[in-house]
Amino acid sequence: MFLDRSKAPEFKVPEDFELLPPSEFKLSNGAKFFFIPTPGLDAVKIDIICKGQRASLPLELSLIPSFTLQMLQEGTKLKNAGEIAEFFDFYASEVHPILTFAHEGLGLLTTRKHLSTVLDIFISLFTEATFPQDMLEKRHSQRKLSIQLERERTASRASQIFSKCLFGAFHPYGVEITEEHVDAAVREPLVSYYESMLWQHLEIFVTGNLDSTEVDKLCILFGQLPNRQVSESILLPGINTLLAVTEPKEKSVQSSIRIGNWSIPKTHPDFIGLTVFNTLLGGYFGSRLVKNIREDKGHTYGIHSTLAEIGDSNYWVIAADVQKAFYPEVIKEIYHEIKILTEVKIDGDELEVLRNYLIGQMLKQFSTSFDLIDRFKAVHHSGMDFGYFTEKLAYLKRFTSEDIRSIGQKYFSKPPFIEVIVG
């Protein structure tokens, strides 16, 4: 049969797809254990995640959770930092901190062959970390240097200011991290956080080519981990949104732009439709913003629009690094493209390109079992299950130009939005 390579293969939208939820177990310590098997793949991925506590700390202690997690591999009662690093390297394993505003924890990537060998040292990090002073001082120096560098980078600085504009300077999600916060992350509060506040409401997510006996052993082992009761919810300070900040940098050759506003959570009925609008606006290489500002005018190498969340708060943000002389024009064009999408329905060809892209990207997210557990975590932490993706596929197959326009009118047609320009 002759294959015409000048034509792309036809894209076929699947009728449906089935996602099997992970097996769920309740451990002796009250923790939840979720397992997805990976037949034929002997890599093992373990994420042990607890409820994040940064928002419950005074602002001056904002770095305590991150320093605590980073210090766990810097020494235990039986091994120093060098020995721990050499041990995991020897067994082709990797341990990494997990840190967001909502969650904290540790992840392990290893092999089935070495799993039982590395687990003892991995587990020791949860109860036997020693927080050596010399390693903490090294971490302090590294973090202060990072803060200084980020302050000079227009992109990092713009993102930092945008968070401050959203929440306010005295909100845990908007506070600007400085060298003073590093100085406050001394050993005593780190140890206190480790021994009393970390490891609240544990959830364990495992993928691997493991049989039932191996899974049972993991359940017994992880049932011995500390699993503290969740602290009482604290009342966060009120949000104090600031609409515009411009921070000039004379020596900078570019300006970093952030334009955004508050948004809706994944559980909202309009969220899937909003992801479609956001993708068309600036969420992929064929988006309106890319075509206008990158391809037509050449003012930036990249511009993108994102739906994001911090803790329980949701927002959208458009980000671009542009030639300094043209940032006013770029801002004008951003608002122009938003206005068009909220007033004019897109044509059929653009609609189908967008539809096929979104369906393809969604299915791509489930290529491996590791992807599957990550997608499960994303919906699980929002109080949902895999039914969200079934609903999303159904919406992607049927949405219309009018659906996109009406969503845009509802969520993007009421400026002023937050504007940040650095550089």
Protein backbone atom coordinates (compact mmCIF):
# COMPACT_ATOMS: atom_id res chain seq x y z
CA MET A 1 0.00 0.00 0.00
CA PHE A 2 1.41 3.40 -0.99
CA LEU A 3 1.87 5.84 1.90
CA ASP A 4 1.56 9.50 0.99
CA ARG A 5 3.95 11.19 3.41
CA SER A 6 3.01 14.65 2.17
CA LYS A 7 -0.25 14.42 4.10
CA ALA A 8 -0.59 14.27 7.86
CA PRO A 9 -2.44 11.23 9.19
CA GLU A 10 -6.11 11.82 9.89
CA PHE A 11 -6.84 12.79 13.46
CA LYS A 12 -9.50 10.57 14.96
CA VAL A 13 -11.35 11.72 18.04
CA PRO A 14 -11.88 8.76 20.38
CA GLU A 15 -15.45 7.85 21.18
CA ASP A 16 -14.57 7.61 24.85
CA PHE A 17 -11.77 6.48 27.08
CA GLU A 18 -11.81 4.61 30.36
CA LEU A 19 -9.64 5.56 33.30
CA LEU A 20 -9.41 2.99 36.06
CA PRO A 21 -9.03 4.63 39.47
CA PRO A 22 -6.14 3.55 41.70
CA SER A 23 -6.61 0.91 44.36
CA GLU A 24 -7.16 2.61 47.70
CA PHE A 25 -6.17 1.36 51.15
CA LYS A 26 -6.53 2.78 54.66
CA LEU A 27 -3.33 2.32 56.66
CA SER A 28 -2.96 1.62 60.37
CA ASN A 29 -1.90 5.22 61.02
CA GLY A 30 -5.00 6.55 59.25
CA ALA A 31 -3.14 7.56 56.07
CA LYS A 32 -4.65 6.88 52.64
CA PHE A 33 -2.62 4.75 50.22
CA PHE A 34 -3.31 4.87 46.47
CA PHE A 35 -1.71 2.37 44.07
CA ILE A 36 -1.61 2.10 40.26
CA PRO A 37 0.22 -0.91 38.75
CA THR A 38 2.69 -0.53 35.88
CA PRO A 39 3.00 -3.94 34.19
CA GLY A 40 6.29 -4.26 32.34
CA LEU A 41 7.78 -1.09 33.86
CA ASP A 42 10.00 -1.74 36.86
CA ALA A 43 10.48 1.88 37.89
CA VAL A 44 8.67 2.71 41.14
CA LYS A 45 7.39 6.17 42.00
CA ILE A 46 6.29 7.04 45.53
CA ASP A 47 4.92 10.43 46.61
CA ILE A 48 4.14 10.92 50.29
CA ILE A 49 2.18 14.13 50.63
CA CYS A 50 0.71 15.99 53.58
CA LYS A 51 -1.28 19.16 54.10
CA GLY A 52 0.83 22.30 53.67
CA GLN A 53 1.18 24.53 56.72
CA ARG A 54 2.93 27.63 55.38
CA ALA A 55 -0.22 29.75 55.58
CA SER A 56 -0.52 29.01 59.31
CA LEU A 57 2.92 30.47 60.11
CA PRO A 58 3.79 34.10 60.83
CA LEU A 59 4.94 35.88 57.68
CA GLU A 60 8.50 36.17 58.94
CA LEU A 61 8.66 32.34 59.08
CA SER A 62 7.42 31.82 55.51
CA LEU A 63 10.53 29.82 54.53
CA ILE A 64 10.34 27.33 57.40
CA PRO A 65 8.49 24.62 55.37
CA SER A 66 10.84 24.80 52.36
CA PHE A 67 14.01 24.77 54.49
CA THR A 68 12.64 21.91 56.58
CA LEU A 69 12.02 19.73 53.53
CA GLN A 70 15.35 20.64 51.92
CA MET A 71 17.23 19.74 55.10
CA LEU A 72 15.79 16.23 55.43
CA GLN A 73 18.56 14.75 53.26
CA GLU A 74 21.33 16.75 54.93
CA GLY A 75 21.77 14.28 57.76
CA THR A 76 20.01 11.63 59.86
CA LYS A 77 20.95 9.82 63.07
CA LEU A 78 22.84 7.18 61.06
CA LYS A 79 24.09 8.96 57.92
CA ASN A 80 25.47 12.38 57.02
CA ALA A 81 24.53 14.31 53.88
CA GLY A 82 27.33 12.84 51.77
CA GLU A 83 26.48 9.29 52.75
CA ILE A 84 22.78 9.79 52.03
CA ALA A 85 23.49 11.24 48.57
CA GLU A 86 26.00 8.47 47.77
CA PHE A 87 23.55 5.80 48.96
CA PHE A 88 20.68 6.90 46.71
CA ASP A 89 23.03 7.45 43.75
CA PHE A 90 24.47 3.96 44.13
CA TYR A 91 21.01 2.43 43.98
CA ALA A 92 19.89 4.59 41.03
CA SER A 93 17.32 6.34 43.18
CA GLU A 94 16.23 9.93 43.66
CA VAL A 95 14.54 11.67 46.56
CA HIS A 96 13.01 15.12 46.11
CA PRO A 97 10.97 17.52 48.24
CA ILE A 98 7.36 18.23 47.27
CA LEU A 99 6.30 21.76 48.14
CA THR A 100 3.35 23.92 47.14
CA PHE A 101 1.21 26.28 49.20
CA ALA A 102 -1.32 23.48 49.66
CA HIS A 103 0.93 20.44 50.08
CA GLU A 104 4.29 19.29 51.43
CA GLY A 105 6.06 15.97 51.25
CA LEU A 106 8.78 13.76 49.82
CA GLY A 107 8.98 11.82 46.59
CA LEU A 108 11.04 8.72 45.78
CA LEU A 109 11.90 7.41 42.32
CA THR A 110 13.63 4.05 42.31
CA THR A 111 13.49 0.56 40.77
CA ARG A 112 11.61 -2.52 41.84
CA LYS A 113 14.93 -4.30 42.27
CA HIS A 114 16.25 -1.78 44.79
CA LEU A 115 12.98 -0.75 46.43
CA SER A 116 13.34 -2.80 49.62
CA THR A 117 16.96 -1.66 50.01
CA VAL A 118 16.33 2.08 49.74
CA LEU A 119 13.08 2.20 51.70
CA ASP A 120 14.74 2.06 55.14
CA ILE A 121 16.81 5.17 54.46
CA PHE A 122 13.89 6.90 52.76
CA ILE A 123 11.63 6.20 55.75
CA SER A 124 14.30 7.48 58.17
CA LEU A 125 13.98 10.94 56.62
CA PHE A 126 10.49 11.22 58.12
CA THR A 127 11.56 10.74 61.73
CA GLU A 128 15.37 10.87 62.10
CA ALA A 129 16.56 14.04 60.35
CA THR A 130 19.12 15.97 62.43
CA PHE A 131 19.33 19.39 60.72
CA PRO A 132 23.11 19.90 60.99
CA GLN A 133 24.05 23.55 61.45
CA ASP A 134 26.84 23.60 58.85
CA MET A 135 24.53 22.30 56.11
CA LEU A 136 21.84 24.79 57.13
CA GLU A 137 24.28 27.67 56.77
CA LYS A 138 25.18 26.43 53.30
CA ARG A 139 21.47 26.35 52.40
CA HIS A 140 21.13 29.91 53.72
CA SER A 141 23.91 31.15 51.46
CA GLN A 142 22.43 29.42 48.43
CA ARG A 143 18.95 30.81 49.05
CA LYS A 144 20.18 34.37 49.59
CA LEU A 145 22.09 34.22 46.32
CA SER A 146 18.97 32.89 44.58
CA ILE A 147 16.89 35.77 45.99
CA GLN A 148 19.43 38.31 44.74
CA LEU A 149 19.48 36.78 41.26
CA GLU A 150 15.69 36.59 41.04
CA ARG A 151 15.46 40.24 42.04
CA GLU A 152 17.54 41.14 39.00
CA ARG A 153 15.66 38.94 36.55
CA THR A 154 12.71 40.84 35.20
CA ALA A 155 10.60 37.71 34.65
CA SER A 156 11.07 36.43 38.22
CA ARG A 157 10.52 39.88 39.63
CA ALA A 158 7.32 40.39 37.62
CA SER A 159 5.86 37.08 38.82
CA GLN A 160 6.70 37.94 42.40
CA ILE A 161 5.07 41.37 42.16
CA PHE A 162 2.03 39.88 40.44
CA SER A 163 1.42 37.59 43.44
CA LYS A 164 1.77 40.59 45.74
CA CYS A 165 -0.74 42.50 43.61
CA LEU A 166 -3.24 39.64 43.78
CA PHE A 167 -3.16 39.03 47.52
CA GLY A 168 -1.43 42.00 49.13
CA ALA A 169 1.98 42.30 50.74
CA PHE A 170 0.78 41.01 54.14
CA HIS A 171 -0.92 37.86 52.89
CA PRO A 172 0.95 34.50 53.08
CA TYR A 173 0.49 34.05 49.31
CA GLY A 174 1.63 37.56 48.44
CA VAL A 175 4.52 38.21 50.83
CA GLU A 176 7.80 39.08 49.12
CA ILE A 177 10.56 36.71 50.22
CA THR A 178 13.73 38.53 51.30
CA GLU A 179 17.06 37.76 52.96
CA GLU A 180 15.41 38.47 56.33
CA HIS A 181 13.14 35.47 55.82
CA VAL A 182 16.23 33.33 55.25
CA ASP A 183 17.80 34.60 58.46
CA ALA A 184 14.65 33.62 60.36
CA ALA A 185 14.88 29.99 59.16
CA VAL A 186 17.21 28.90 61.97
CA ARG A 187 17.56 25.41 63.33
CA GLU A 188 15.17 25.60 66.31
CA PRO A 189 11.97 26.48 64.38
CA LEU A 190 12.91 23.96 61.67
CA VAL A 191 13.16 21.16 64.22
CA SER A 192 9.93 22.31 65.88
CA TYR A 193 8.11 22.34 62.53
CA TYR A 194 9.50 18.89 61.69
CA GLU A 195 8.43 17.39 65.02
CA SER A 196 5.01 18.97 65.44
CA MET A 197 3.57 20.47 62.22
CA LEU A 198 4.91 18.44 59.29
CA TRP A 199 3.22 15.19 58.20
CA GLN A 200 -0.40 16.21 58.76
CA HIS A 201 -3.08 14.22 56.92
CA LEU A 202 -0.74 11.89 54.99
CA GLU A 203 -1.65 10.54 51.58
CA ILE A 204 0.63 8.11 49.74
CA PHE A 205 0.63 7.67 45.96
CA VAL A 206 2.50 4.67 44.51
CA THR A 207 3.01 3.44 40.95
CA GLY A 208 5.09 0.41 40.07
CA ASN A 209 5.16 -3.16 38.79
CA LEU A 210 4.41 -4.54 42.25
CA ASP A 211 2.50 -7.68 43.21
CA SER A 212 -0.04 -7.85 46.02
CA THR A 213 2.54 -9.08 48.54
CA GLU A 214 4.82 -6.11 47.81
CA VAL A 215 1.91 -3.69 48.07
CA ASP A 216 0.89 -5.20 51.41
CA LYS A 217 4.44 -4.74 52.72
CA LEU A 218 4.39 -1.09 51.67
CA CYS A 219 1.07 -0.60 53.45
CA ILE A 220 2.52 -2.03 56.66
CA LEU A 221 5.71 0.02 56.36
CA PHE A 222 4.02 3.32 55.54
CA GLY A 223 1.47 2.65 58.29
CA GLN A 224 4.33 3.32 60.72
CA LEU A 225 4.94 6.85 59.46
CA PRO A 226 3.84 9.81 61.57
CA ASN A 227 0.40 11.02 60.50
CA ARG A 228 -0.60 13.98 62.59
CA GLN A 229 -4.09 15.38 62.92
CA VAL A 230 -4.76 18.44 60.81
CA SER A 231 -4.36 21.68 62.72
CA GLU A 232 -7.40 23.88 63.10
CA SER A 233 -7.98 26.08 60.09
CA ILE A 234 -6.63 29.58 60.48
CA LEU A 235 -8.30 32.75 59.31
CA LEU A 236 -6.19 34.16 56.50
CA PRO A 237 -5.86 37.94 56.29
CA GLY A 238 -8.10 39.76 53.86
CA ILE A 239 -7.03 40.01 50.23
CA ASN A 240 -5.87 43.48 49.22
CA THR A 241 -5.59 43.51 45.42
CA LEU A 242 -3.49 46.16 43.70
CA LEU A 243 -4.29 46.76 40.03
CA ALA A 244 -1.06 48.17 38.59
CA VAL A 245 2.68 48.22 39.35
CA THR A 246 5.49 49.41 37.09
CA GLU A 247 9.08 48.83 38.21
CA PRO A 248 11.61 50.36 35.78
CA LYS A 249 15.09 48.88 35.35
CA GLU A 250 17.33 51.23 33.39
CA LYS A 251 19.89 48.62 32.40
CA SER A 252 17.32 46.08 31.29
CA VAL A 253 16.85 45.52 27.54
CA GLN A 254 13.49 43.82 28.02
CA SER A 255 10.29 44.34 29.95
CA SER A 256 8.44 41.49 31.62
CA ILE A 257 4.66 41.82 31.51
CA ARG A 258 2.07 40.12 33.69
CA ILE A 259 -1.63 40.77 33.11
CA GLY A 260 -4.25 38.78 34.98
CA ASN A 261 -7.16 38.54 37.37
CA TRP A 262 -9.04 36.21 39.69
CA SER A 263 -10.53 33.04 38.23
CA ILE A 264 -12.60 29.98 39.17
CA PRO A 265 -11.66 26.56 40.63
CA LYS A 266 -11.56 23.26 38.78
CA THR A 267 -14.83 22.27 40.45
CA HIS A 268 -16.75 25.16 38.85
CA PRO A 269 -19.12 24.18 35.99
CA ASP A 270 -17.50 26.77 33.70
CA PHE A 271 -13.90 25.69 34.34
CA ILE A 272 -13.50 23.34 31.37
CA GLY A 273 -14.94 25.96 29.03
CA LEU A 274 -12.56 28.51 30.52
CA THR A 275 -9.60 26.25 29.76
CA VAL A 276 -10.69 26.22 26.11
CA PHE A 277 -10.93 30.02 25.97
CA ASN A 278 -7.56 30.38 27.71
CA THR A 279 -5.90 27.99 25.25
CA LEU A 280 -7.25 29.90 22.26
CA LEU A 281 -6.15 33.20 23.79
CA GLY A 282 -2.59 32.25 24.72
CA GLY A 283 -2.31 28.62 25.78
CA TYR A 284 -0.66 27.03 22.75
CA PHE A 285 1.57 27.84 19.78
CA GLY A 286 -1.40 28.56 17.52
CA SER A 287 -3.04 30.96 19.96
CA ARG A 288 -4.16 34.48 19.13
CA LEU A 289 -1.50 36.13 21.30
CA VAL A 290 1.32 34.07 19.78
CA LYS A 291 0.18 34.79 16.22
CA ASN A 292 -0.20 38.51 16.86
CA ILE A 293 2.66 39.44 19.18
CA ARG A 294 5.26 36.79 18.32
CA GLU A 295 4.67 35.89 14.69
CA ASP A 296 3.19 39.07 13.19
CA LYS A 297 5.02 41.73 15.19
CA GLY A 298 8.10 39.91 16.52
CA HIS A 299 8.00 41.67 19.88
CA THR A 300 8.59 38.52 21.95
CA TYR A 301 9.94 35.01 21.65
CA GLY A 302 7.08 33.66 23.70
CA ILE A 303 3.82 34.77 25.28
CA HIS A 304 1.39 32.55 27.09
CA SER A 305 -1.78 32.63 29.15
CA THR A 306 -2.22 30.31 32.11
CA LEU A 307 -4.93 29.27 34.54
CA ALA A 308 -3.25 28.78 37.90
CA GLU A 309 -3.87 28.34 41.60
CA ILE A 310 -2.18 29.22 44.86
CA GLY A 311 -3.58 27.30 47.81
CA ASP A 312 -7.35 27.57 47.48
CA SER A 313 -7.21 30.68 45.29
CA ASN A 314 -7.45 30.65 41.48
CA TYR A 315 -6.35 33.18 38.90
CA TRP A 316 -5.36 33.63 35.25
CA VAL A 317 -2.23 35.38 34.06
CA ILE A 318 -0.72 36.35 30.71
CA ALA A 319 3.08 36.45 30.78
CA ALA A 320 5.55 37.78 28.21
CA ASP A 321 9.10 39.09 28.04
CA VAL A 322 9.19 41.74 25.32
CA GLN A 323 11.48 44.30 23.78
CA LYS A 324 11.47 47.20 26.20
CA ALA A 325 10.52 49.85 23.67
CA PHE A 326 7.41 47.96 22.60
CA TYR A 327 5.79 46.96 25.89
CA PRO A 328 3.00 49.62 25.65
CA GLU A 329 2.06 48.29 22.21
CA VAL A 330 2.13 44.70 23.46
CA ILE A 331 -0.22 45.53 26.32
CA LYS A 332 -2.56 47.25 23.89
CA GLU A 333 -2.56 44.21 21.60
CA ILE A 334 -3.24 41.84 24.51
CA TYR A 335 -6.39 43.76 25.38
CA HIS A 336 -7.28 43.91 21.69
CA GLU A 337 -7.13 40.12 21.31
CA ILE A 338 -9.14 39.59 24.49
CA LYS A 339 -11.82 41.99 23.22
CA ILE A 340 -12.06 40.24 19.85
CA LEU A 341 -12.50 36.82 21.46
CA THR A 342 -15.26 38.11 23.72
CA GLU A 343 -17.16 39.70 20.83
CA VAL A 344 -16.48 37.71 17.64
CA LYS A 345 -17.05 33.99 17.16
CA ILE A 346 -14.09 32.11 15.65
CA ASP A 347 -14.43 30.40 12.28
CA GLY A 348 -14.86 26.67 11.77
CA ASP A 349 -11.30 25.85 10.72
CA GLU A 350 -9.74 27.52 13.77
CA LEU A 351 -12.33 25.85 15.96
CA GLU A 352 -11.44 22.36 14.72
CA VAL A 353 -7.69 22.96 14.98
CA LEU A 354 -8.24 24.05 18.58
CA ARG A 355 -10.52 21.09 19.30
CA ASN A 356 -8.06 18.54 17.91
CA TYR A 357 -5.16 20.13 19.77
CA LEU A 358 -7.00 20.09 23.10
CA ILE A 359 -8.15 16.49 22.72
CA GLY A 360 -4.68 15.39 21.65
CA GLN A 361 -3.03 17.18 24.57
CA MET A 362 -5.50 15.73 27.02
CA LEU A 363 -4.96 12.15 25.83
CA LYS A 364 -1.19 12.73 25.84
CA GLN A 365 -1.43 13.38 29.59
CA PHE A 366 -2.26 9.71 30.11
CA SER A 367 0.62 8.16 28.18
CA THR A 368 2.11 6.34 31.18
CA SER A 369 1.03 5.10 34.60
CA PHE A 370 3.16 7.84 36.12
CA ASP A 371 1.05 10.35 34.17
CA LEU A 372 -2.07 8.60 35.40
CA ILE A 373 -1.19 8.99 39.08
CA ASP A 374 -0.27 12.65 38.54
CA ARG A 375 -3.63 13.32 36.88
CA PHE A 376 -5.37 11.50 39.70
CA LYS A 377 -3.60 13.63 42.29
CA ALA A 378 -4.64 16.79 40.45
CA VAL A 379 -8.36 15.99 40.60
CA HIS A 380 -8.21 14.21 43.96
CA HIS A 381 -6.77 17.28 45.67
CA SER A 382 -9.65 19.29 44.20
CA GLY A 383 -12.18 16.89 45.70
CA MET A 384 -12.97 15.16 42.40
CA ASP A 385 -12.22 11.88 40.63
CA PHE A 386 -11.46 10.65 37.10
CA GLY A 387 -15.00 11.52 36.10
CA TYR A 388 -13.69 15.05 35.57
CA PHE A 389 -11.68 13.89 32.55
CA THR A 390 -14.62 11.99 31.07
CA GLU A 391 -16.66 15.17 31.37
CA LYS A 392 -13.81 17.19 29.86
CA LEU A 393 -13.50 14.94 26.81
CA ALA A 394 -17.25 15.15 26.22
CA TYR A 395 -17.08 18.96 26.37
CA LEU A 396 -14.08 19.15 24.04
CA LYS A 397 -15.93 17.10 21.43
CA ARG A 398 -19.01 19.33 21.42
CA PHE A 399 -18.06 22.94 22.29
CA THR A 400 -19.00 25.63 19.78
CA SER A 401 -17.73 29.08 18.83
CA GLU A 402 -20.60 30.61 20.79
CA ASP A 403 -19.55 28.65 23.89
CA ILE A 404 -16.08 30.18 23.68
CA ARG A 405 -17.39 33.69 23.14
CA SER A 406 -19.86 33.51 26.04
CA ILE A 407 -17.20 32.20 28.42
CA GLY A 408 -14.92 35.05 27.37
CA GLN A 409 -17.65 37.60 27.98
CA LYS A 410 -18.30 36.16 31.42
CA TYR A 411 -14.72 36.07 32.70
CA PHE A 412 -12.53 38.27 30.48
CA SER A 413 -14.66 41.24 29.49
CA LYS A 414 -14.53 43.31 32.67
CA PRO A 415 -11.21 45.15 32.90
CA PRO A 416 -9.30 46.71 34.53
CA PHE A 417 -7.12 43.67 35.11
CA ILE A 418 -3.98 43.53 37.20
CA GLU A 419 -1.00 44.86 35.24
CA VAL A 420 2.66 44.43 36.19
CA ILE A 421 5.57 45.72 34.11
CA VAL A 422 9.17 45.19 35.23
CA GLY A 423 12.11 46.47 33.20
